[in-house]
N, C-alpha and C. Protein backbone atom coordinates (compact mmCIF):
# COMPACT_ATOMS: atom_id res chain seq x y z
N VAL A 1 5.58 -5.73 -4.05
CA VAL A 1 6.40 -6.28 -3.00
C VAL A 1 6.68 -5.17 -1.99
N LEU A 2 6.53 -5.49 -0.72
CA LEU A 2 6.92 -4.55 0.33
C LEU A 2 8.39 -4.79 0.63
N TYR A 3 9.23 -3.80 0.37
CA TYR A 3 10.67 -3.94 0.51
C TYR A 3 11.15 -3.14 1.71
N GLY A 4 11.80 -3.81 2.64
CA GLY A 4 12.37 -3.13 3.80
C GLY A 4 11.36 -2.52 4.74
N GLY A 5 10.08 -2.82 4.55
CA GLY A 5 9.04 -2.27 5.40
C GLY A 5 8.67 -0.83 5.12
N THR A 6 9.37 -0.17 4.19
CA THR A 6 9.11 1.25 3.94
C THR A 6 8.88 1.59 2.47
N GLU A 7 9.05 0.63 1.58
CA GLU A 7 8.96 0.90 0.15
C GLU A 7 8.10 -0.15 -0.55
N LEU A 8 7.17 0.31 -1.37
CA LEU A 8 6.35 -0.59 -2.17
C LEU A 8 6.93 -0.63 -3.58
N VAL A 9 7.18 -1.84 -4.09
CA VAL A 9 7.83 -2.02 -5.39
C VAL A 9 6.94 -2.87 -6.27
N ARG A 10 6.70 -2.41 -7.50
CA ARG A 10 5.97 -3.23 -8.46
C ARG A 10 7.00 -3.86 -9.40
N LEU A 11 6.90 -5.18 -9.53
CA LEU A 11 7.84 -5.93 -10.35
C LEU A 11 7.15 -6.45 -11.61
N ASP A 12 7.90 -6.58 -12.68
CA ASP A 12 7.41 -7.22 -13.89
C ASP A 12 7.34 -8.72 -13.62
N ALA A 13 6.17 -9.31 -13.81
CA ALA A 13 5.96 -10.72 -13.49
C ALA A 13 6.81 -11.66 -14.34
N GLN A 14 7.15 -11.26 -15.54
CA GLN A 14 7.94 -12.13 -16.42
C GLN A 14 9.43 -12.01 -16.19
N THR A 15 9.92 -10.80 -15.94
CA THR A 15 11.36 -10.60 -15.85
C THR A 15 11.86 -10.36 -14.42
N GLY A 16 10.97 -9.94 -13.52
CA GLY A 16 11.38 -9.59 -12.17
C GLY A 16 11.96 -8.19 -12.06
N ALA A 17 12.00 -7.47 -13.18
CA ALA A 17 12.53 -6.10 -13.18
C ALA A 17 11.57 -5.15 -12.46
N THR A 18 12.13 -4.13 -11.85
CA THR A 18 11.32 -3.12 -11.17
C THR A 18 10.61 -2.24 -12.19
N ILE A 19 9.30 -2.12 -12.05
CA ILE A 19 8.51 -1.21 -12.89
C ILE A 19 8.48 0.16 -12.23
N TRP A 20 8.22 0.19 -10.93
CA TRP A 20 8.27 1.43 -10.15
C TRP A 20 8.46 1.07 -8.68
N SER A 21 8.90 2.04 -7.91
CA SER A 21 8.99 1.87 -6.45
C SER A 21 8.63 3.20 -5.81
N ARG A 22 7.98 3.14 -4.67
CA ARG A 22 7.55 4.34 -3.95
C ARG A 22 7.79 4.16 -2.46
N PRO A 23 8.44 5.14 -1.84
CA PRO A 23 8.57 5.10 -0.38
C PRO A 23 7.20 5.38 0.25
N LEU A 24 6.91 4.69 1.32
CA LEU A 24 5.62 4.86 1.98
C LEU A 24 5.75 5.65 3.27
N GLY A 25 6.93 6.10 3.59
CA GLY A 25 7.11 6.85 4.83
C GLY A 25 7.51 5.92 5.95
N MET A 26 6.71 5.89 6.98
CA MET A 26 7.00 5.05 8.13
C MET A 26 6.97 3.59 7.76
N ASP A 27 7.44 2.77 8.67
CA ASP A 27 7.48 1.33 8.47
C ASP A 27 6.06 0.77 8.38
N VAL A 28 5.73 0.12 7.27
CA VAL A 28 4.44 -0.55 7.11
C VAL A 28 4.54 -1.90 7.79
N PRO A 29 3.54 -2.29 8.57
CA PRO A 29 3.61 -3.59 9.23
C PRO A 29 3.87 -4.71 8.22
N ARG A 30 4.71 -5.63 8.58
CA ARG A 30 5.06 -6.73 7.67
C ARG A 30 4.05 -7.86 7.81
N ARG A 31 2.84 -7.55 7.40
CA ARG A 31 1.78 -8.56 7.38
C ARG A 31 0.85 -8.23 6.22
N PRO A 32 0.30 -9.25 5.61
CA PRO A 32 -0.53 -9.02 4.42
C PRO A 32 -1.71 -8.08 4.63
N ALA A 33 -2.27 -8.03 5.83
CA ALA A 33 -3.46 -7.21 6.07
C ALA A 33 -3.19 -5.71 5.99
N ALA A 34 -1.93 -5.28 5.97
CA ALA A 34 -1.62 -3.86 5.90
C ALA A 34 -1.68 -3.33 4.47
N ILE A 35 -1.79 -4.22 3.49
CA ILE A 35 -1.85 -3.83 2.08
C ILE A 35 -3.01 -4.56 1.42
N ALA A 36 -3.75 -3.85 0.58
CA ALA A 36 -4.86 -4.44 -0.18
C ALA A 36 -4.72 -4.02 -1.64
N LEU A 37 -4.99 -4.93 -2.54
CA LEU A 37 -4.89 -4.65 -3.97
C LEU A 37 -6.25 -4.74 -4.63
N ASP A 38 -6.55 -3.74 -5.45
CA ASP A 38 -7.74 -3.71 -6.28
C ASP A 38 -7.23 -3.81 -7.71
N GLY A 39 -8.08 -3.85 -8.69
CA GLY A 39 -7.65 -3.98 -10.07
C GLY A 39 -6.60 -2.98 -10.50
N ASP A 40 -6.72 -1.73 -10.09
CA ASP A 40 -5.81 -0.67 -10.53
C ASP A 40 -5.12 0.07 -9.40
N VAL A 41 -5.37 -0.33 -8.15
CA VAL A 41 -4.90 0.45 -7.01
C VAL A 41 -4.31 -0.45 -5.93
N ALA A 42 -3.23 0.03 -5.31
CA ALA A 42 -2.67 -0.61 -4.12
C ALA A 42 -2.95 0.31 -2.94
N TYR A 43 -3.60 -0.21 -1.91
CA TYR A 43 -3.90 0.56 -0.69
C TYR A 43 -2.96 0.09 0.41
N TYR A 44 -2.58 1.00 1.29
CA TYR A 44 -1.69 0.62 2.39
C TYR A 44 -2.05 1.38 3.65
N ALA A 45 -1.92 0.72 4.79
CA ALA A 45 -2.06 1.35 6.10
C ALA A 45 -0.66 1.53 6.64
N ASN A 46 -0.36 2.74 7.09
CA ASN A 46 1.00 3.10 7.46
C ASN A 46 0.97 4.04 8.64
N GLY A 47 1.30 3.56 9.80
CA GLY A 47 1.26 4.42 10.97
C GLY A 47 -0.14 4.92 11.21
N SER A 48 -0.34 6.22 11.15
CA SER A 48 -1.66 6.78 11.38
C SER A 48 -2.27 7.34 10.10
N SER A 49 -1.95 6.71 8.95
CA SER A 49 -2.55 7.14 7.69
C SER A 49 -2.81 5.94 6.79
N VAL A 50 -3.69 6.16 5.81
CA VAL A 50 -3.99 5.16 4.80
C VAL A 50 -3.83 5.86 3.45
N GLY A 51 -3.33 5.14 2.46
CA GLY A 51 -3.10 5.76 1.17
C GLY A 51 -3.38 4.82 0.02
N ALA A 52 -3.40 5.39 -1.18
CA ALA A 52 -3.66 4.61 -2.39
C ALA A 52 -2.65 5.01 -3.47
N LEU A 53 -2.11 4.00 -4.16
CA LEU A 53 -1.17 4.20 -5.25
C LEU A 53 -1.72 3.56 -6.51
N ALA A 54 -1.54 4.22 -7.65
CA ALA A 54 -1.93 3.65 -8.94
C ALA A 54 -0.96 2.53 -9.29
N LEU A 55 -1.48 1.35 -9.61
CA LEU A 55 -0.61 0.24 -9.96
C LEU A 55 0.13 0.47 -11.27
N ALA A 56 -0.45 1.23 -12.17
CA ALA A 56 0.18 1.45 -13.48
C ALA A 56 1.53 2.15 -13.36
N ASP A 57 1.60 3.20 -12.52
CA ASP A 57 2.83 3.98 -12.46
C ASP A 57 3.29 4.33 -11.05
N GLY A 58 2.57 3.88 -10.02
CA GLY A 58 2.95 4.16 -8.64
C GLY A 58 2.60 5.54 -8.15
N ALA A 59 1.84 6.30 -8.94
CA ALA A 59 1.46 7.65 -8.53
C ALA A 59 0.57 7.61 -7.29
N THR A 60 0.79 8.55 -6.38
CA THR A 60 -0.07 8.65 -5.20
C THR A 60 -1.42 9.18 -5.63
N LEU A 61 -2.47 8.44 -5.34
CA LEU A 61 -3.83 8.86 -5.66
C LEU A 61 -4.42 9.67 -4.53
N TRP A 62 -4.18 9.24 -3.30
CA TRP A 62 -4.64 9.97 -2.13
C TRP A 62 -4.02 9.39 -0.86
N THR A 63 -4.04 10.19 0.20
CA THR A 63 -3.70 9.74 1.55
C THR A 63 -4.68 10.39 2.51
N ARG A 64 -5.00 9.70 3.56
CA ARG A 64 -5.93 10.20 4.57
C ARG A 64 -5.42 9.81 5.96
N PRO A 65 -5.65 10.66 6.95
CA PRO A 65 -5.25 10.31 8.32
C PRO A 65 -6.20 9.27 8.90
N LEU A 66 -5.69 8.47 9.81
CA LEU A 66 -6.49 7.50 10.55
C LEU A 66 -6.55 7.94 12.01
N ALA A 67 -7.74 7.95 12.59
CA ALA A 67 -7.88 8.27 14.00
C ALA A 67 -7.74 6.98 14.79
N GLY A 68 -7.00 7.02 15.85
CA GLY A 68 -6.82 5.84 16.67
C GLY A 68 -5.37 5.47 16.79
N PRO A 69 -5.09 4.19 17.01
CA PRO A 69 -3.71 3.76 17.25
C PRO A 69 -2.83 3.96 16.02
N GLY A 70 -1.55 4.14 16.24
CA GLY A 70 -0.60 4.31 15.16
C GLY A 70 -0.08 3.02 14.57
N VAL A 71 -0.53 1.88 15.09
CA VAL A 71 -0.11 0.58 14.59
C VAL A 71 -1.29 -0.38 14.60
N GLY A 72 -1.15 -1.48 13.88
CA GLY A 72 -2.14 -2.55 13.96
C GLY A 72 -3.30 -2.45 12.98
N TRP A 73 -3.25 -1.52 12.03
CA TRP A 73 -4.35 -1.38 11.09
C TRP A 73 -4.34 -2.51 10.06
N SER A 74 -5.53 -2.94 9.67
CA SER A 74 -5.71 -3.93 8.61
C SER A 74 -6.66 -3.36 7.57
N LEU A 75 -6.48 -3.76 6.33
CA LEU A 75 -7.32 -3.28 5.23
C LEU A 75 -8.03 -4.45 4.59
N ALA A 76 -9.23 -4.17 4.07
CA ALA A 76 -9.99 -5.17 3.32
C ALA A 76 -10.85 -4.43 2.29
N LEU A 77 -11.10 -5.08 1.18
CA LEU A 77 -11.98 -4.53 0.15
C LEU A 77 -13.31 -5.26 0.24
N ALA A 78 -14.40 -4.48 0.19
CA ALA A 78 -15.73 -5.07 0.30
C ALA A 78 -16.72 -4.24 -0.50
N LYS A 79 -17.27 -4.81 -1.57
CA LYS A 79 -18.30 -4.16 -2.38
C LYS A 79 -17.93 -2.73 -2.77
N GLY A 80 -16.75 -2.56 -3.33
CA GLY A 80 -16.33 -1.25 -3.79
C GLY A 80 -15.90 -0.30 -2.70
N ARG A 81 -15.69 -0.80 -1.51
CA ARG A 81 -15.28 0.04 -0.38
C ARG A 81 -13.98 -0.50 0.21
N LEU A 82 -13.22 0.40 0.78
CA LEU A 82 -12.03 0.03 1.54
C LEU A 82 -12.38 0.13 3.00
N VAL A 83 -12.22 -0.95 3.74
CA VAL A 83 -12.54 -0.96 5.17
C VAL A 83 -11.32 -1.41 5.96
């Protein structure tokens, strides 16, 4: 769940309890295209960077800068790639 536009929260599907939460820094656009989920990873576009979090524990796997505008990024998964 994207909470407040700045925090990604993983909830227990059965109880609704928080498993982990991680601040993402700047405000993530409140639209589904700014976040993509893979089997074990949550990807997010945030300002001028893109990052990946482990779904198991919310650990940051990596972050990379994005060249171009600071807003309006969308993410998609395609054949093992993040685009």
